[in-house]
Structures are given as structure tokens and as C-alpha cells.
Amino acid sequence: MSSINYGALAGGESTQPPDGLHDAYLTRARLQTGQQDFVATEWQVGAYWWETLYGFTPQRLPFTQDMLDGLGIDRAKLTDDDALEAALNAAQGSQYRVRVETNGRFVNTYIEGAVAQRSFETDIPADTSGLPEVSQSPSGLFVTDGPRQTALAGAGNSPPSAADDDLDDIPF
């Protein structure tokens, strides 16, 4: 038998991370209304997945406000359920620095802010000296002769001859 946690795989069983700081992905954030209103957030760090609920009662409201601030949501712009849902939806899919603290059977998640997104342009220096100049304009790269485009640029490429008219015989 494998070690796969099928409950967690299905998304139904929480596998809580150890206490401490984590760079976690906010996989889902939603407003749940009904008998009790709350914001449910679902987090993932590697193989760990957990859910945290933030309420609107006077004792829970400060935690909910901190959560919204940590997600970078401007609380002054939240005037109704639709605005809150839109803001939560926009925060999904991003990575945040979170502090996890287990308190009995509850997992408290404190959001410290978004993790800085890395850019390949600035994080990986590339030495381009000695490389040929690249044209900024794609013009001249293709010749259009009817419905077919023929590549002219590149090593050994040349326009097909009349004998090559059978180019639509793709083997798949």
C-alpha cells in the first residue's frame, strides 16, 4: 500500500503544516454566508493543505481585518458581499508568507504579506555578449503565398519548391 493520503488528494482532509513561517499558496478564498458568516481560506505548502476560517463576530473581526490586510485587500473598498468576494477571488493563486500556530484542534493562520514574485529578467543574469543582434520586428521573417506561410529565417531554411505542395500531409 502506498503512502498517498487520498483524503488530502481529494481536498477533503486537512494535512496541517508544522507551526512556524511558511510561504504558502492561497488556493481558494471565499465568503460563506448563512447562519454564520465567515471567510474560508485554503492554503497549500508542498504536501500540506489546510483551511482557516475568519469570522465577523466582535471577537473574531480583528483577525479577519488582519487577514484582509495581509492579503493586500483595501478594506475601505469593501462595501458589500460582491466587493468582498471579488477581492478574495483576486487574491487567490498568489503566494503569501504565513505564520501557522496550532491551538488545540485549531490551526491559526496569520498572513504577513505577499511573497515577492521573482522575475527571470532580474534574477538570472545572462551574458549576451557575442550573440548576434536580434531584429525587434518580425517583418521579413515570413512570406505569405496564399494560405501557406513559409519561414525564411533560420539555418538552412528556404522557401519550398513546387514539388513541396503536399505540405498538408501531417502524420497525426
C-alpha atoms as a PDB file:
ATOM      1  CA  MET A   1       0.000   0.000   0.000  1.00  0.00           C
ATOM      2  CA  SER A   2       1.306   3.448  -0.905  1.00  0.00           C
ATOM      3  CA  SER A   3       1.719   6.397   1.444  1.00  0.00           C
ATOM      4  CA  ILE A   4      -0.690   8.584  -0.555  1.00  0.00           C
ATOM      5  CA  ASN A   5      -3.180  10.427   1.616  1.00  0.00           C
ATOM      6  CA  TYR A   6      -6.280  10.073  -0.571  1.00  0.00           C
ATOM      7  CA  GLY A   7      -8.382  12.260   1.704  1.00  0.00           C
ATOM      8  CA  ALA A   8      -5.966  15.127   1.188  1.00  0.00           C
ATOM      9  CA  LEU A   9      -5.725  14.333  -2.529  1.00  0.00           C
ATOM     10  CA  ALA A  10      -9.476  14.720  -2.839  1.00  0.00           C
ATOM     11  CA  GLY A  11      -9.277  18.010  -0.965  1.00  0.00           C
ATOM     12  CA  GLY A  12     -11.428  16.841   1.890  1.00  0.00           C
ATOM     13  CA  GLU A  13      -8.900  16.124   4.595  1.00  0.00           C
ATOM     14  CA  SER A  14      -6.598  18.730   6.042  1.00  0.00           C
ATOM     15  CA  THR A  15      -2.925  17.933   6.493  1.00  0.00           C
ATOM     16  CA  GLN A  16      -1.697  20.727   8.689  1.00  0.00           C
ATOM     17  CA  PRO A  17       1.820  22.102   8.337  1.00  0.00           C
ATOM     18  CA  PRO A  18       4.118  22.360  11.336  1.00  0.00           C
ATOM     19  CA  ASP A  19       3.939  25.552  13.353  1.00  0.00           C
ATOM     20  CA  GLY A  20       6.126  28.364  12.061  1.00  0.00           C
ATOM     21  CA  LEU A  21       6.645  30.533   8.980  1.00  0.00           C
ATOM     22  CA  HIS A  22       5.743  29.201   5.543  1.00  0.00           C
ATOM     23  CA  ASP A  23       5.492  30.553   2.006  1.00  0.00           C
ATOM     24  CA  ALA A  24       2.018  29.226   1.230  1.00  0.00           C
ATOM     25  CA  TYR A  25      -0.221  29.424  -1.813  1.00  0.00           C
ATOM     26  CA  LEU A  26      -3.737  30.690  -1.291  1.00  0.00           C
ATOM     27  CA  THR A  27      -5.542  28.103  -3.370  1.00  0.00           C
ATOM     28  CA  ARG A  28      -9.042  29.302  -2.532  1.00  0.00           C
ATOM     29  CA  ALA A  29     -10.690  32.169  -0.653  1.00  0.00           C
ATOM     30  CA  ARG A  30     -14.423  32.541  -0.420  1.00  0.00           C
ATOM     31  CA  LEU A  31     -17.160  34.270   1.515  1.00  0.00           C
ATOM     32  CA  GLN A  32     -19.537  31.860   3.217  1.00  0.00           C
ATOM     33  CA  THR A  33     -22.843  33.371   4.263  1.00  0.00           C
ATOM     34  CA  GLY A  34     -25.703  31.800   6.126  1.00  0.00           C
ATOM     35  CA  GLN A  35     -26.358  31.055   9.768  1.00  0.00           C
ATOM     36  CA  GLN A  36     -22.779  32.213  10.437  1.00  0.00           C
ATOM     37  CA  ASP A  37     -20.873  34.414   8.028  1.00  0.00           C
ATOM     38  CA  PHE A  38     -17.152  33.820   7.570  1.00  0.00           C
ATOM     39  CA  VAL A  39     -14.298  33.883   5.075  1.00  0.00           C
ATOM     40  CA  ALA A  40     -12.798  30.476   4.354  1.00  0.00           C
ATOM     41  CA  THR A  41      -9.238  30.314   3.054  1.00  0.00           C
ATOM     42  CA  GLU A  42      -7.500  27.192   1.783  1.00  0.00           C
ATOM     43  CA  TRP A  43      -3.716  27.052   1.860  1.00  0.00           C
ATOM     44  CA  GLN A  44      -1.061  24.772   0.448  1.00  0.00           C
ATOM     45  CA  VAL A  45       2.626  24.340   1.198  1.00  0.00           C
ATOM     46  CA  GLY A  46       4.099  21.344  -0.575  1.00  0.00           C
ATOM     47  CA  ALA A  47       2.139  18.293   0.587  1.00  0.00           C
ATOM     48  CA  TYR A  48       0.387  20.245   3.364  1.00  0.00           C
ATOM     49  CA  TRP A  49      -3.131  21.582   2.859  1.00  0.00           C
ATOM     50  CA  TRP A  50      -5.339  23.293   5.418  1.00  0.00           C
ATOM     51  CA  GLU A  51      -8.310  25.575   5.781  1.00  0.00           C
ATOM     52  CA  THR A  52      -8.698  28.592   8.043  1.00  0.00           C
ATOM     53  CA  LEU A  53     -11.976  30.348   8.858  1.00  0.00           C
ATOM     54  CA  TYR A  54     -12.202  34.055   9.663  1.00  0.00           C
ATOM     55  CA  GLY A  55     -15.388  35.329  11.285  1.00  0.00           C
ATOM     56  CA  PHE A  56     -17.199  38.617  11.705  1.00  0.00           C
ATOM     57  CA  THR A  57     -18.203  38.447  15.374  1.00  0.00           C
ATOM     58  CA  PRO A  58     -16.714  41.187  17.581  1.00  0.00           C
ATOM     59  CA  GLN A  59     -14.089  38.794  18.991  1.00  0.00           C
ATOM     60  CA  ARG A  60     -13.060  37.457  15.543  1.00  0.00           C
ATOM     61  CA  LEU A  61     -13.279  40.657  13.500  1.00  0.00           C
ATOM     62  CA  PRO A  62      -9.719  41.854  14.336  1.00  0.00           C
ATOM     63  CA  PHE A  63      -8.299  38.558  12.969  1.00  0.00           C
ATOM     64  CA  THR A  64     -10.386  38.914   9.819  1.00  0.00           C
ATOM     65  CA  GLN A  65      -9.188  42.501   9.358  1.00  0.00           C
ATOM     66  CA  ASP A  66      -5.565  41.365   9.781  1.00  0.00           C
ATOM     67  CA  MET A  67      -6.154  38.603   7.221  1.00  0.00           C
ATOM     68  CA  LEU A  68      -7.526  41.065   4.671  1.00  0.00           C
ATOM     69  CA  ASP A  69      -4.606  43.426   5.304  1.00  0.00           C
ATOM     70  CA  GLY A  70      -2.146  40.548   4.884  1.00  0.00           C
ATOM     71  CA  LEU A  71      -3.715  39.688   1.532  1.00  0.00           C
ATOM     72  CA  GLY A  72      -3.281  43.312   0.459  1.00  0.00           C
ATOM     73  CA  ILE A  73      -7.011  43.964   0.257  1.00  0.00           C
ATOM     74  CA  ASP A  74      -8.090  47.569   0.763  1.00  0.00           C
ATOM     75  CA  ARG A  75     -10.818  47.213   3.394  1.00  0.00           C
ATOM     76  CA  ALA A  76     -12.148  50.719   2.674  1.00  0.00           C
ATOM     77  CA  LYS A  77     -13.282  49.471  -0.763  1.00  0.00           C
ATOM     78  CA  LEU A  78     -15.302  46.597   0.684  1.00  0.00           C
ATOM     79  CA  THR A  79     -18.846  47.899   0.726  1.00  0.00           C
ATOM     80  CA  ASP A  80     -20.858  44.714   0.090  1.00  0.00           C
ATOM     81  CA  ASP A  81     -20.604  40.937  -0.358  1.00  0.00           C
ATOM     82  CA  ASP A  82     -19.842  41.241  -4.078  1.00  0.00           C
ATOM     83  CA  ALA A  83     -16.874  43.538  -3.441  1.00  0.00           C
ATOM     84  CA  LEU A  84     -15.511  41.216  -0.752  1.00  0.00           C
ATOM     85  CA  GLU A  85     -15.924  38.155  -2.987  1.00  0.00           C
ATOM     86  CA  ALA A  86     -14.177  39.936  -5.884  1.00  0.00           C
ATOM     87  CA  ALA A  87     -11.267  40.960  -3.659  1.00  0.00           C
ATOM     88  CA  LEU A  88     -10.901  37.425  -2.279  1.00  0.00           C
ATOM     89  CA  ASN A  89     -11.050  35.983  -5.784  1.00  0.00           C
ATOM     90  CA  ALA A  90      -8.282  38.334  -6.929  1.00  0.00           C
ATOM     91  CA  ALA A  91      -6.054  37.214  -4.030  1.00  0.00           C
ATOM     92  CA  GLN A  92      -6.328  33.515  -4.937  1.00  0.00           C
ATOM     93  CA  GLY A  93      -3.408  31.804  -6.620  1.00  0.00           C
ATOM     94  CA  SER A  94      -0.764  34.021  -5.061  1.00  0.00           C
ATOM     95  CA  GLN A  95       1.884  33.063  -2.558  1.00  0.00           C
ATOM     96  CA  TYR A  96       1.912  34.610   0.910  1.00  0.00           C
ATOM     97  CA  ARG A  97       4.216  34.469   3.931  1.00  0.00           C
ATOM     98  CA  VAL A  98       2.086  32.945   6.684  1.00  0.00           C
ATOM     99  CA  ARG A  99       2.706  32.075  10.305  1.00  0.00           C
ATOM    100  CA  VAL A 100       0.936  28.929  11.419  1.00  0.00           C
ATOM    101  CA  GLU A 101       0.146  28.281  15.071  1.00  0.00           C
ATOM    102  CA  THR A 102      -1.721  25.219  16.276  1.00  0.00           C
ATOM    103  CA  ASN A 103      -4.028  25.918  19.203  1.00  0.00           C
ATOM    104  CA  GLY A 104      -5.528  22.639  20.319  1.00  0.00           C
ATOM    105  CA  ARG A 105      -7.578  21.364  17.400  1.00  0.00           C
ATOM    106  CA  PHE A 106      -7.471  24.701  15.556  1.00  0.00           C
ATOM    107  CA  VAL A 107      -4.852  25.919  13.111  1.00  0.00           C
ATOM    108  CA  ASN A 108      -4.456  29.690  13.218  1.00  0.00           C
ATOM    109  CA  THR A 109      -3.011  31.233  10.073  1.00  0.00           C
ATOM    110  CA  TYR A 110      -1.593  34.754  10.274  1.00  0.00           C
ATOM    111  CA  ILE A 111      -0.814  36.326   6.907  1.00  0.00           C
ATOM    112  CA  GLU A 112       2.259  38.525   6.935  1.00  0.00           C
ATOM    113  CA  GLY A 113       2.042  39.613   3.302  1.00  0.00           C
ATOM    114  CA  ALA A 114       2.630  38.561  -0.259  1.00  0.00           C
ATOM    115  CA  VAL A 115       5.836  36.781  -1.166  1.00  0.00           C
ATOM    116  CA  ALA A 116       7.823  38.863  -3.639  1.00  0.00           C
ATOM    117  CA  GLN A 117       7.432  37.461  -7.117  1.00  0.00           C
ATOM    118  CA  ARG A 118      10.721  36.727  -8.803  1.00  0.00           C
ATOM    119  CA  SER A 119      11.393  37.866 -12.310  1.00  0.00           C
ATOM    120  CA  PHE A 120      13.559  35.906 -14.694  1.00  0.00           C
ATOM    121  CA  GLU A 121      14.732  39.185 -16.174  1.00  0.00           C
ATOM    122  CA  THR A 122      16.322  40.315 -12.913  1.00  0.00           C
ATOM    123  CA  ASP A 123      17.031  37.082 -11.045  1.00  0.00           C
ATOM    124  CA  ILE A 124      19.053  35.250 -13.676  1.00  0.00           C
ATOM    125  CA  PRO A 125      21.819  37.342 -15.203  1.00  0.00           C
ATOM    126  CA  ALA A 126      22.605  36.429 -18.787  1.00  0.00           C
ATOM    127  CA  ASP A 127      25.788  37.244 -20.681  1.00  0.00           C
ATOM    128  CA  THR A 128      24.601  38.187 -24.160  1.00  0.00           C
ATOM    129  CA  SER A 129      27.984  39.380 -25.420  1.00  0.00           C
ATOM    130  CA  GLY A 130      28.983  37.603 -28.594  1.00  0.00           C
ATOM    131  CA  LEU A 131      25.409  36.758 -29.570  1.00  0.00           C
ATOM    132  CA  PRO A 132      24.066  38.046 -32.889  1.00  0.00           C
ATOM    133  CA  GLU A 133      21.729  41.012 -32.897  1.00  0.00           C
ATOM    134  CA  VAL A 134      18.035  40.120 -32.867  1.00  0.00           C
ATOM    135  CA  SER A 135      15.585  42.019 -35.010  1.00  0.00           C
ATOM    136  CA  GLN A 136      12.841  43.635 -32.964  1.00  0.00           C
ATOM    137  CA  SER A 137      10.472  43.493 -35.919  1.00  0.00           C
ATOM    138  CA  PRO A 138       9.063  40.198 -37.191  1.00  0.00           C
ATOM    139  CA  SER A 139       8.685  41.650 -40.688  1.00  0.00           C
ATOM    140  CA  GLY A 140      10.655  39.782 -43.301  1.00  0.00           C
ATOM    141  CA  LEU A 141      10.562  36.522 -41.403  1.00  0.00           C
ATOM    142  CA  PHE A 142       7.676  35.075 -43.386  1.00  0.00           C
ATOM    143  CA  VAL A 143       6.485  35.198 -46.957  1.00  0.00           C
ATOM    144  CA  THR A 144       2.794  34.717 -47.403  1.00  0.00           C
ATOM    145  CA  ASP A 145       1.808  32.910 -50.572  1.00  0.00           C
ATOM    146  CA  GLY A 146      -1.867  32.156 -50.242  1.00  0.00           C
ATOM    147  CA  PRO A 147      -2.926  30.123 -47.214  1.00  0.00           C
ATOM    148  CA  ARG A 148       0.621  28.903 -46.556  1.00  0.00           C
ATOM    149  CA  GLN A 149       3.364  30.836 -44.721  1.00  0.00           C
ATOM    150  CA  THR A 150       6.956  29.939 -45.454  1.00  0.00           C
ATOM    151  CA  ALA A 151       9.767  30.622 -42.992  1.00  0.00           C
ATOM    152  CA  LEU A 152      12.736  32.446 -44.486  1.00  0.00           C
ATOM    153  CA  ALA A 153      14.864  32.958 -41.389  1.00  0.00           C
ATOM    154  CA  GLY A 154      16.998  30.318 -39.769  1.00  0.00           C
ATOM    155  CA  ALA A 155      19.800  27.998 -40.762  1.00  0.00           C
ATOM    156  CA  GLY A 156      19.118  26.110 -43.971  1.00  0.00           C
ATOM    157  CA  ASN A 157      15.506  27.233 -44.344  1.00  0.00           C
ATOM    158  CA  SER A 158      14.370  28.150 -47.813  1.00  0.00           C
ATOM    159  CA  PRO A 159      11.001  28.557 -49.486  1.00  0.00           C
ATOM    160  CA  PRO A 160       9.545  25.226 -50.587  1.00  0.00           C
ATOM    161  CA  SER A 161       9.613  24.402 -54.251  1.00  0.00           C
ATOM    162  CA  ALA A 162       6.569  23.499 -56.342  1.00  0.00           C
ATOM    163  CA  ALA A 163       7.313  19.844 -55.560  1.00  0.00           C
ATOM    164  CA  ASP A 164       6.640  20.609 -51.878  1.00  0.00           C
ATOM    165  CA  ASP A 165       2.961  21.475 -52.412  1.00  0.00           C
ATOM    166  CA  ASP A 166       1.987  18.374 -50.418  1.00  0.00           C
ATOM    167  CA  LEU A 167       2.775  20.068 -47.078  1.00  0.00           C
ATOM    168  CA  ASP A 168      -0.612  19.284 -45.544  1.00  0.00           C
ATOM    169  CA  ASP A 169       0.161  15.563 -45.125  1.00  0.00           C
ATOM    170  CA  ILE A 170       0.721  15.634 -41.402  1.00  0.00           C
ATOM    171  CA  PRO A 171       1.165  12.124 -39.987  1.00  0.00           C
ATOM    172  CA  PHE A 172      -1.097  12.682 -36.968  1.00  0.00           C
END
